[in-house]
Every structure is written in C-alpha cells, then in structure tokens.
PDB file of all heavy atoms in Angstrom:
ATOM      1  N   ALA A   1      11.152 -29.642 -78.992  1.00  0.00           N
ATOM      2  CA  ALA A   1      11.317 -28.586 -79.995  1.00  0.00           C
ATOM      3  C   ALA A   1      10.857 -27.259 -79.394  1.00  0.00           C
ATOM      4  O   ALA A   1       9.815 -27.209 -78.724  1.00  0.00           O
ATOM      5  CB  ALA A   1      10.518 -28.913 -81.251  1.00  0.00           C
ATOM      6  N   HIS A   2      11.648 -26.209 -79.635  1.00  0.00           N
ATOM      7  CA  HIS A   2      11.341 -24.883 -79.107  1.00  0.00           C
ATOM      8  C   HIS A   2      11.517 -23.844 -80.207  1.00  0.00           C
ATOM      9  O   HIS A   2      12.486 -23.904 -80.962  1.00  0.00           O
ATOM     10  CB  HIS A   2      12.299 -24.514 -77.968  1.00  0.00           C
ATOM     11  CG  HIS A   2      12.425 -25.555 -76.916  1.00  0.00           C
ATOM     12  ND1 HIS A   2      11.500 -25.716 -75.924  1.00  0.00           N
ATOM     13  CD2 HIS A   2      13.371 -26.506 -76.714  1.00  0.00           C
ATOM     14  CE1 HIS A   2      11.863 -26.712 -75.142  1.00  0.00           C
ATOM     15  NE2 HIS A   2      12.996 -27.220 -75.609  1.00  0.00           N
ATOM     16  N   PRO A   3      10.618 -22.865 -80.285  1.00  0.00           N
ATOM     17  CA  PRO A   3      10.837 -21.772 -81.237  1.00  0.00           C
ATOM     18  C   PRO A   3      11.957 -20.862 -80.731  1.00  0.00           C
ATOM     19  O   PRO A   3      12.036 -20.572 -79.532  1.00  0.00           O
ATOM     20  CB  PRO A   3       9.495 -21.041 -81.267  1.00  0.00           C
ATOM     21  CG  PRO A   3       8.815 -21.414 -79.988  1.00  0.00           C
ATOM     22  CD  PRO A   3       9.359 -22.740 -79.564  1.00  0.00           C
ATOM     23  N   VAL A   4      12.842 -20.472 -81.639  1.00  0.00           N
ATOM     24  CA  VAL A   4      13.954 -19.569 -81.322  1.00  0.00           C
ATOM     25  C   VAL A   4      14.184 -18.653 -82.522  1.00  0.00           C
ATOM     26  O   VAL A   4      13.548 -18.816 -83.560  1.00  0.00           O
ATOM     27  CB  VAL A   4      15.261 -20.344 -80.996  1.00  0.00           C
ATOM     28  CG1 VAL A   4      15.122 -21.159 -79.726  1.00  0.00           C
ATOM     29  CG2 VAL A   4      15.677 -21.229 -82.153  1.00  0.00           C
ATOM     30  N   THR A   5      15.096 -17.724 -82.376  1.00  0.00           N
ATOM     31  CA  THR A   5      15.504 -16.872 -83.489  1.00  0.00           C
ATOM     32  C   THR A   5      16.995 -17.105 -83.742  1.00  0.00           C
ATOM     33  O   THR A   5      17.795 -17.056 -82.807  1.00  0.00           O
ATOM     34  CB  THR A   5      15.249 -15.388 -83.166  1.00  0.00           C
ATOM     35  OG1 THR A   5      13.854 -15.220 -82.913  1.00  0.00           O
ATOM     36  CG2 THR A   5      15.669 -14.488 -84.317  1.00  0.00           C
ATOM     37  N   VAL A   6      17.336 -17.379 -84.992  1.00  0.00           N
ATOM     38  CA  VAL A   6      18.730 -17.572 -85.394  1.00  0.00           C
ATOM     39  C   VAL A   6      18.964 -16.715 -86.633  1.00  0.00           C
ATOM     40  O   VAL A   6      18.180 -16.783 -87.585  1.00  0.00           O
ATOM     41  CB  VAL A   6      19.040 -19.055 -85.710  1.00  0.00           C
ATOM     42  CG1 VAL A   6      20.458 -19.214 -86.229  1.00  0.00           C
ATOM     43  CG2 VAL A   6      18.815 -19.937 -84.486  1.00  0.00           C
ATOM     44  N   ALA A   7      19.987 -15.907 -86.607  1.00  0.00           N
ATOM     45  CA  ALA A   7      20.321 -15.019 -87.722  1.00  0.00           C
ATOM     46  C   ALA A   7      19.124 -14.148 -88.107  1.00  0.00           C
ATOM     47  O   ALA A   7      18.877 -13.890 -89.279  1.00  0.00           O
ATOM     48  CB  ALA A   7      20.832 -15.813 -88.928  1.00  0.00           C
ATOM     49  N   GLY A   8      18.355 -13.733 -87.109  1.00  0.00           N
ATOM     50  CA  GLY A   8      17.205 -12.864 -87.344  1.00  0.00           C
ATOM     51  C   GLY A   8      16.007 -13.564 -87.948  1.00  0.00           C
ATOM     52  O   GLY A   8      15.052 -12.909 -88.363  1.00  0.00           O
ATOM     53  N   ARG A   9      16.025 -14.895 -87.973  1.00  0.00           N
ATOM     54  CA  ARG A   9      14.921 -15.647 -88.576  1.00  0.00           C
ATOM     55  C   ARG A   9      14.266 -16.555 -87.552  1.00  0.00           C
ATOM     56  O   ARG A   9      14.929 -17.115 -86.682  1.00  0.00           O
ATOM     57  CB  ARG A   9      15.444 -16.484 -89.743  1.00  0.00           C
ATOM     58  CG  ARG A   9      15.995 -15.603 -90.846  1.00  0.00           C
ATOM     59  CD  ARG A   9      16.818 -16.386 -91.815  1.00  0.00           C
ATOM     60  NE  ARG A   9      17.503 -15.453 -92.711  1.00  0.00           N
ATOM     61  CZ  ARG A   9      17.366 -15.455 -94.018  1.00  0.00           C
ATOM     62  NH1 ARG A   9      16.595 -16.327 -94.599  1.00  0.00           N
ATOM     63  NH2 ARG A   9      18.026 -14.579 -94.745  1.00  0.00           N
ATOM     64  N   ALA A  10      12.953 -16.712 -87.690  1.00  0.00           N
ATOM     65  CA  ALA A  10      12.233 -17.638 -86.827  1.00  0.00           C
ATOM     66  C   ALA A  10      12.728 -19.049 -87.131  1.00  0.00           C
ATOM     67  O   ALA A  10      12.702 -19.492 -88.278  1.00  0.00           O
ATOM     68  CB  ALA A  10      10.739 -17.534 -87.063  1.00  0.00           C
ATOM     69  N   ALA A  11      13.208 -19.733 -86.108  1.00  0.00           N
ATOM     70  CA  ALA A  11      13.817 -21.051 -86.277  1.00  0.00           C
ATOM     71  C   ALA A  11      13.250 -22.006 -85.228  1.00  0.00           C
ATOM     72  O   ALA A  11      12.463 -21.602 -84.366  1.00  0.00           O
ATOM     73  CB  ALA A  11      15.333 -20.941 -86.145  1.00  0.00           C
ATOM     74  N   ILE A  12      13.669 -23.257 -85.322  1.00  0.00           N
ATOM     75  CA  ILE A  12      13.291 -24.275 -84.338  1.00  0.00           C
ATOM     76  C   ILE A  12      14.570 -24.851 -83.743  1.00  0.00           C
ATOM     77  O   ILE A  12      15.510 -25.183 -84.475  1.00  0.00           O
ATOM     78  CB  ILE A  12      12.472 -25.416 -84.996  1.00  0.00           C
ATOM     79  CG1 ILE A  12      11.113 -24.907 -85.451  1.00  0.00           C
ATOM     80  CG2 ILE A  12      12.316 -26.614 -84.066  1.00  0.00           C
ATOM     81  CD1 ILE A  12      10.174 -24.519 -84.328  1.00  0.00           C
ATOM     82  N   GLU A  13      14.597 -24.957 -82.425  1.00  0.00           N
ATOM     83  CA  GLU A  13      15.679 -25.651 -81.727  1.00  0.00           C
ATOM     84  C   GLU A  13      15.134 -27.014 -81.326  1.00  0.00           C
ATOM     85  O   GLU A  13      14.089 -27.107 -80.685  1.00  0.00           O
ATOM     86  CB  GLU A  13      16.089 -24.880 -80.471  1.00  0.00           C
ATOM     87  CG  GLU A  13      17.102 -25.633 -79.628  1.00  0.00           C
ATOM     88  CD  GLU A  13      17.278 -25.003 -78.254  1.00  0.00           C
ATOM     89  OE1 GLU A  13      16.264 -24.843 -77.537  1.00  0.00           O
ATOM     90  OE2 GLU A  13      18.417 -24.681 -77.916  1.00  0.00           O
ATOM     91  N   LEU A  14      15.827 -28.074 -81.721  1.00  0.00           N
ATOM     92  CA  LEU A  14      15.430 -29.430 -81.367  1.00  0.00           C
ATOM     93  C   LEU A  14      16.491 -30.024 -80.454  1.00  0.00           C
ATOM     94  O   LEU A  14      17.672 -30.087 -80.820  1.00  0.00           O
ATOM     95  CB  LEU A  14      15.292 -30.295 -82.622  1.00  0.00           C
ATOM     96  CG  LEU A  14      14.949 -31.762 -82.372  1.00  0.00           C
ATOM     97  CD1 LEU A  14      13.534 -31.886 -81.815  1.00  0.00           C
ATOM     98  CD2 LEU A  14      15.099 -32.567 -83.640  1.00  0.00           C
ATOM     99  N   VAL A  15      16.081 -30.430 -79.261  1.00  0.00           N
ATOM    100  CA  VAL A  15      16.995 -31.077 -78.318  1.00  0.00           C
ATOM    101  C   VAL A  15      16.641 -32.564 -78.296  1.00  0.00           C
ATOM    102  O   VAL A  15      15.500 -32.936 -78.020  1.00  0.00           O
ATOM    103  CB  VAL A  15      16.869 -30.468 -76.906  1.00  0.00           C
ATOM    104  CG1 VAL A  15      17.767 -31.209 -75.923  1.00  0.00           C
ATOM    105  CG2 VAL A  15      17.202 -28.985 -76.938  1.00  0.00           C
ATOM    106  N   GLN A  16      17.628 -33.377 -78.657  1.00  0.00           N
ATOM    107  CA  GLN A  16      17.476 -34.839 -78.619  1.00  0.00           C
ATOM    108  C   GLN A  16      18.143 -35.348 -77.355  1.00  0.00           C
ATOM    109  O   GLN A  16      19.343 -35.203 -77.184  1.00  0.00           O
ATOM    110  CB  GLN A  16      18.132 -35.468 -79.851  1.00  0.00           C
ATOM    111  CG  GLN A  16      18.193 -36.989 -79.821  1.00  0.00           C
ATOM    112  CD  GLN A  16      16.827 -37.632 -79.875  1.00  0.00           C
ATOM    113  OE1 GLN A  16      16.078 -37.423 -80.815  1.00  0.00           O
ATOM    114  NE2 GLN A  16      16.495 -38.392 -78.854  1.00  0.00           N
ATOM    115  N   ARG A  17      17.338 -35.901 -76.458  1.00  0.00           N
ATOM    116  CA  ARG A  17      17.885 -36.444 -75.216  1.00  0.00           C
ATOM    117  C   ARG A  17      18.449 -37.855 -75.454  1.00  0.00           C
ATOM    118  O   ARG A  17      18.001 -38.553 -76.361  1.00  0.00           O
ATOM    119  CB  ARG A  17      16.796 -36.500 -74.148  1.00  0.00           C
ATOM    120  CG  ARG A  17      16.330 -35.120 -73.699  1.00  0.00           C
ATOM    121  CD  ARG A  17      15.339 -35.211 -72.553  1.00  0.00           C
ATOM    122  NE  ARG A  17      14.189 -36.059 -72.811  1.00  0.00           N
ATOM    123  CZ  ARG A  17      13.087 -35.663 -73.438  1.00  0.00           C
ATOM    124  NH1 ARG A  17      12.971 -34.441 -73.860  1.00  0.00           N
ATOM    125  NH2 ARG A  17      12.083 -36.499 -73.621  1.00  0.00           N
ATOM    126  N   PRO A  18      19.412 -38.265 -74.640  1.00  0.00           N
ATOM    127  CA  PRO A  18      19.904 -39.645 -74.741  1.00  0.00           C
ATOM    128  C   PRO A  18      18.739 -40.613 -74.540  1.00  0.00           C
ATOM    129  O   PRO A  18      17.833 -40.353 -73.733  1.00  0.00           O
ATOM    130  CB  PRO A  18      20.903 -39.771 -73.590  1.00  0.00           C
ATOM    131  CG  PRO A  18      21.316 -38.365 -73.292  1.00  0.00           C
ATOM    132  CD  PRO A  18      20.102 -37.526 -73.578  1.00  0.00           C
ATOM    133  N   ILE A  19      18.757 -41.700 -75.288  1.00  0.00           N
ATOM    134  CA  ILE A  19      17.663 -42.663 -75.190  1.00  0.00           C
ATOM    135  C   ILE A  19      18.118 -44.022 -75.699  1.00  0.00           C
ATOM    136  O   ILE A  19      18.971 -44.113 -76.574  1.00  0.00           O
ATOM    137  CB  ILE A  19      16.420 -42.171 -75.976  1.00  0.00           C
ATOM    138  CG1 ILE A  19      15.237 -43.106 -75.741  1.00  0.00           C
ATOM    139  CG2 ILE A  19      16.723 -42.027 -77.454  1.00  0.00           C
ATOM    140  CD1 ILE A  19      13.912 -42.580 -76.235  1.00  0.00           C
ATOM    141  N   ARG A  20      17.552 -45.030 -75.124  1.00  0.00           N
ATOM    142  CA  ARG A  20      17.680 -46.403 -75.631  1.00  0.00           C
ATOM    143  C   ARG A  20      16.274 -46.839 -76.009  1.00  0.00           C
ATOM    144  O   ARG A  20      15.359 -46.722 -75.217  1.00  0.00           O
ATOM    145  CB  ARG A  20      18.235 -47.326 -74.551  1.00  0.00           C
ATOM    146  CG  ARG A  20      19.635 -47.004 -74.152  1.00  0.00           C
ATOM    147  CD  ARG A  20      20.149 -47.975 -73.077  1.00  0.00           C
ATOM    148  NE  ARG A  20      21.425 -47.513 -72.562  1.00  0.00           N
ATOM    149  CZ  ARG A  20      22.586 -47.751 -73.144  1.00  0.00           C
ATOM    150  NH1 ARG A  20      22.627 -48.448 -74.247  1.00  0.00           N
ATOM    151  NH2 ARG A  20      23.711 -47.280 -72.633  1.00  0.00           N
ATOM    152  N   TRP A  21      16.113 -47.299 -77.224  1.00  0.00           N
ATOM    153  CA  TRP A  21      14.820 -47.795 -77.685  1.00  0.00           C
ATOM    154  C   TRP A  21      15.084 -49.044 -78.505  1.00  0.00           C
ATOM    155  O   TRP A  21      16.246 -49.349 -78.806  1.00  0.00           O
ATOM    156  CB  TRP A  21      14.045 -46.698 -78.420  1.00  0.00           C
ATOM    157  CG  TRP A  21      14.421 -46.396 -79.838  1.00  0.00           C
ATOM    158  CD1 TRP A  21      13.750 -46.764 -80.957  1.00  0.00           C
ATOM    159  CD2 TRP A  21      15.550 -45.653 -80.297  1.00  0.00           C
ATOM    160  NE1 TRP A  21      14.388 -46.301 -82.078  1.00  0.00           N
ATOM    161  CE2 TRP A  21      15.505 -45.623 -81.701  1.00  0.00           C
ATOM    162  CE3 TRP A  21      16.615 -45.023 -79.670  1.00  0.00           C
ATOM    163  CZ2 TRP A  21      16.467 -44.988 -82.479  1.00  0.00           C
ATOM    164  CZ3 TRP A  21      17.589 -44.395 -80.443  1.00  0.00           C
ATOM    165  CH2 TRP A  21      17.495 -44.372 -81.816  1.00  0.00           C
ATOM    166  N   PRO A  22      14.066 -49.815 -78.846  1.00  0.00           N
ATOM    167  CA  PRO A  22      14.298 -51.109 -79.500  1.00  0.00           C
ATOM    168  C   PRO A  22      15.167 -51.046 -80.760  1.00  0.00           C
ATOM    169  O   PRO A  22      15.838 -52.012 -81.087  1.00  0.00           O
ATOM    170  CB  PRO A  22      12.891 -51.594 -79.844  1.00  0.00           C
ATOM    171  CG  PRO A  22      12.020 -50.937 -78.836  1.00  0.00           C
ATOM    172  CD  PRO A  22      12.651 -49.599 -78.570  1.00  0.00           C
ATOM    173  N   ASN A  23      15.206 -49.919 -81.444  1.00  0.00           N
ATOM    174  CA  ASN A  23      15.962 -49.831 -82.693  1.00  0.00           C
ATOM    175  C   ASN A  23      17.319 -49.158 -82.550  1.00  0.00           C
ATOM    176  O   ASN A  23      17.988 -48.929 -83.550  1.00  0.00           O
ATOM    177  CB  ASN A  23      15.144 -49.086 -83.748  1.00  0.00           C
ATOM    178  CG  ASN A  23      13.892 -49.852 -84.121  1.00  0.00           C
ATOM    179  OD1 ASN A  23      13.895 -51.073 -84.128  1.00  0.00           O
ATOM    180  ND2 ASN A  23      12.830 -49.144 -84.399  1.00  0.00           N
ATOM    181  N   GLY A  24      17.720 -48.790 -81.342  1.00  0.00           N
ATOM    182  CA  GLY A  24      19.024 -48.147 -81.230  1.00  0.00           C
ATOM    183  C   GLY A  24      19.271 -47.444 -79.912  1.00  0.00           C
ATOM    184  O   GLY A  24      18.474 -47.518 -78.991  1.00  0.00           O
ATOM    185  N   VAL A  25      20.387 -46.729 -79.890  1.00  0.00           N
ATOM    186  CA  VAL A  25      20.822 -46.006 -78.698  1.00  0.00           C
ATOM    187  C   VAL A  25      21.383 -44.657 -79.134  1.00  0.00           C
ATOM    188  O   VAL A  25      22.106 -44.564 -80.118  1.00  0.00           O
ATOM    189  CB  VAL A  25      21.931 -46.783 -77.950  1.00  0.00           C
ATOM    190  CG1 VAL A  25      22.478 -45.976 -76.782  1.00  0.00           C
ATOM    191  CG2 VAL A  25      21.423 -48.132 -77.483  1.00  0.00           C
ATOM    192  N   ILE A  26      21.030 -43.616 -78.407  1.00  0.00           N
ATOM    193  CA  ILE A  26      21.688 -42.321 -78.538  1.00  0.00           C
ATOM    194  C   ILE A  26      22.281 -42.042 -77.166  1.00  0.00           C
ATOM    195  O   ILE A  26      21.551 -41.901 -76.187  1.00  0.00           O
ATOM    196  CB  ILE A  26      20.701 -41.212 -78.962  1.00  0.00           C
ATOM    197  CG1 ILE A  26      20.154 -41.514 -80.354  1.00  0.00           C
ATOM    198  CG2 ILE A  26      21.384 -39.843 -78.924  1.00  0.00           C
ATOM    199  CD1 ILE A  26      19.096 -40.549 -80.831  1.00  0.00           C
ATOM    200  N   ASP A  27      23.619 -42.032 -77.100  1.00  0.00           N
ATOM    201  CA  ASP A  27      24.312 -41.906 -75.813  1.00  0.00           C
ATOM    202  C   ASP A  27      24.454 -40.471 -75.327  1.00  0.00           C
ATOM    203  O   ASP A  27      24.620 -40.240 -74.144  1.00  0.00           O
ATOM    204  CB  ASP A  27      25.707 -42.531 -75.894  1.00  0.00           C
ATOM    205  CG  ASP A  27      25.648 -44.047 -75.982  1.00  0.00           C
ATOM    206  OD1 ASP A  27      24.718 -44.649 -75.401  1.00  0.00           O
ATOM    207  OD2 ASP A  27      26.524 -44.635 -76.643  1.00  0.00           O
ATOM    208  N   PHE A  28      24.451 -39.505 -76.256  1.00  0.00           N
ATOM    209  CA  PHE A  28      24.726 -38.129 -75.885  1.00  0.00           C
ATOM    210  C   PHE A  28      23.604 -37.219 -76.373  1.00  0.00           C
ATOM    211  O   PHE A  28      23.047 -37.434 -77.445  1.00  0.00           O
ATOM    212  CB  PHE A  28      26.042 -37.651 -76.514  1.00  0.00           C
ATOM    213  CG  PHE A  28      27.215 -38.484 -76.108  1.00  0.00           C
ATOM    214  CD1 PHE A  28      27.677 -39.504 -76.917  1.00  0.00           C
ATOM    215  CD2 PHE A  28      27.845 -38.254 -74.897  1.00  0.00           C
ATOM    216  CE1 PHE A  28      28.754 -40.274 -76.543  1.00  0.00           C
ATOM    217  CE2 PHE A  28      28.925 -39.016 -74.507  1.00  0.00           C
ATOM    218  CZ  PHE A  28      29.383 -40.042 -75.329  1.00  0.00           C
ATOM    219  N   PRO A  29      23.263 -36.179 -75.611  1.00  0.00           N
ATOM    220  CA  PRO A  29      22.276 -35.227 -76.102  1.00  0.00           C
ATOM    221  C   PRO A  29      22.810 -34.475 -77.318  1.00  0.00           C
ATOM    222  O   PRO A  29      24.014 -34.307 -77.473  1.00  0.00           O
ATOM    223  CB  PRO A  29      22.044 -34.282 -74.926  1.00  0.00           C
ATOM    224  CG  PRO A  29      23.218 -34.446 -74.038  1.00  0.00           C
ATOM    225  CD  PRO A  29      23.801 -35.803 -74.305  1.00  0.00           C
ATOM    226  N   ALA A  30      21.890 -34.060 -78.169  1.00  0.00           N
ATOM    227  CA  ALA A  30      22.249 -33.294 -79.366  1.00  0.00           C
ATOM    228  C   ALA A  30      21.310 -32.101 -79.474  1.00  0.00           C
ATOM    229  O   ALA A  30      20.161 -32.165 -79.042  1.00  0.00           O
ATOM    230  CB  ALA A  30      22.141 -34.163 -80.614  1.00  0.00           C
ATOM    231  N   THR A  31      21.808 -31.027 -80.057  1.00  0.00           N
ATOM    232  CA  THR A  31      21.001 -29.835 -80.293  1.00  0.00           C
ATOM    233  C   THR A  31      21.070 -29.513 -81.778  1.00  0.00           C
ATOM    234  O   THR A  31      22.158 -29.452 -82.347  1.00  0.00           O
ATOM    235  CB  THR A  31      21.517 -28.637 -79.477  1.00  0.00           C
ATOM    236  OG1 THR A  31      21.604 -29.014 -78.103  1.00  0.00           O
ATOM    237  CG2 THR A  31      20.577 -27.445 -79.601  1.00  0.00           C
ATOM    238  N   THR A  32      19.907 -29.330 -82.391  1.00  0.00           N
ATOM    239  CA  THR A  32      19.834 -29.040 -83.825  1.00  0.00           C
ATOM    240  C   THR A  32      18.934 -27.836 -84.037  1.00  0.00           C
ATOM    241  O   THR A  32      17.896 -27.706 -83.381  1.00  0.00           O
ATOM    242  CB  THR A  32      19.271 -30.253 -84.593  1.00  0.00           C
ATOM    243  OG1 THR A  32      20.112 -31.378 -84.343  1.00  0.00           O
ATOM    244  CG2 THR A  32      19.194 -29.988 -86.084  1.00  0.00           C
ATOM    245  N   TYR A  33      19.331 -26.969 -84.952  1.00  0.00           N
ATOM    246  CA  TYR A  33      18.536 -25.791 -85.304  1.00  0.00           C
ATOM    247  C   TYR A  33      18.121 -25.891 -86.760  1.00  0.00           C
ATOM    248  O   TYR A  33      18.925 -26.227 -87.624  1.00  0.00           O
ATOM    249  CB  TYR A  33      19.348 -24.508 -85.085  1.00  0.00           C
ATOM    250  CG  TYR A  33      19.632 -24.261 -83.629  1.00  0.00           C
ATOM    251  CD1 TYR A  33      20.717 -24.849 -83.005  1.00  0.00           C
ATOM    252  CD2 TYR A  33      18.787 -23.470 -82.869  1.00  0.00           C
ATOM    253  CE1 TYR A  33      20.967 -24.655 -81.663  1.00  0.00           C
ATOM    254  CE2 TYR A  33      19.028 -23.264 -81.527  1.00  0.00           C
ATOM    255  CZ  TYR A  33      20.117 -23.865 -80.926  1.00  0.00           C
ATOM    256  OH  TYR A  33      20.355 -23.673 -79.590  1.00  0.00           O
ATOM    257  N   PHE A  34      16.842 -25.604 -87.015  1.00  0.00           N
ATOM    258  CA  PHE A  34      16.279 -25.550 -88.361  1.00  0.00           C
ATOM    259  C   PHE A  34      16.044 -24.074 -88.679  1.00  0.00           C
ATOM    260  O   PHE A  34      15.241 -23.421 -88.007  1.00  0.00           O
ATOM    261  CB  PHE A  34      14.958 -26.314 -88.424  1.00  0.00           C
ATOM    262  CG  PHE A  34      15.100 -27.794 -88.161  1.00  0.00           C
ATOM    263  CD1 PHE A  34      15.217 -28.285 -86.873  1.00  0.00           C
ATOM    264  CD2 PHE A  34      15.122 -28.693 -89.213  1.00  0.00           C
ATOM    265  CE1 PHE A  34      15.348 -29.644 -86.629  1.00  0.00           C
ATOM    266  CE2 PHE A  34      15.254 -30.055 -88.982  1.00  0.00           C
ATOM    267  CZ  PHE A  34      15.372 -30.528 -87.693  1.00  0.00           C
ATOM    268  N   VAL A  35      16.757 -23.560 -89.687  1.00  0.00           N
ATOM    269  CA  VAL A  35      16.704 -22.134 -90.005  1.00  0.00           C
ATOM    270  C   VAL A  35      16.300 -21.979 -91.477  1.00  0.00           C
ATOM    271  O   VAL A  35      17.014 -22.431 -92.367  1.00  0.00           O
ATOM    272  CB  VAL A  35      18.073 -21.456 -89.772  1.00  0.00           C
ATOM    273  CG1 VAL A  35      17.978 -19.957 -90.014  1.00  0.00           C
ATOM    274  CG2 VAL A  35      18.597 -21.757 -88.365  1.00  0.00           C
ATOM    275  N   PRO A  36      15.151 -21.327 -91.745  1.00  0.00           N
ATOM    276  CA  PRO A  36      14.716 -21.171 -93.137  1.00  0.00           C
ATOM    277  C   PRO A  36      15.538 -20.127 -93.880  1.00  0.00           C
ATOM    278  O   PRO A  36      15.954 -19.126 -93.311  1.00  0.00           O
ATOM    279  CB  PRO A  36      13.266 -20.711 -92.991  1.00  0.00           C
ATOM    280  CG  PRO A  36      13.215 -20.010 -91.677  1.00  0.00           C
ATOM    281  CD  PRO A  36      14.219 -20.713 -90.803  1.00  0.00           C
ATOM    282  N   ASP A  37      15.769 -20.415 -95.159  1.00  0.00           N
ATOM    283  CA  ASP A  37      16.444 -19.467 -96.042  1.00  0.00           C
ATOM    284  C   ASP A  37      15.833 -19.631 -97.435  1.00  0.00           C
ATOM    285  O   ASP A  37      16.402 -20.311 -98.292  1.00  0.00           O
ATOM    286  CB  ASP A  37      17.953 -19.719 -96.068  1.00  0.00           C
ATOM    287  CG  ASP A  37      18.688 -18.716 -96.955  1.00  0.00           C
ATOM    288  OD1 ASP A  37      18.221 -17.568 -97.068  1.00  0.00           O
ATOM    289  OD2 ASP A  37      19.721 -19.089 -97.529  1.00  0.00           O
TER     290      ASP A  37
END
C-alpha cells in the first residue's frame, strides 16, 4: 500500500502481487485505489 493523490484527494494505492496460498491463487497483479468522498 502506498499513499497517492487521486482527483486531488489523499488516496491509497494497493498493489496485489500474484500469489499462491493455501486458500487460493491470484495469477495476475492488480492495482486498486481507495479514494475518499
């Protein structure tokens, strides 16, 4: 998680790396932004 600015607001960028763990698999990286409104 990294602090960023989106639409002029303090936001969080979350990068999910590919992973295999006992409960599942994520094959591709994902990027998600949390922007307060």
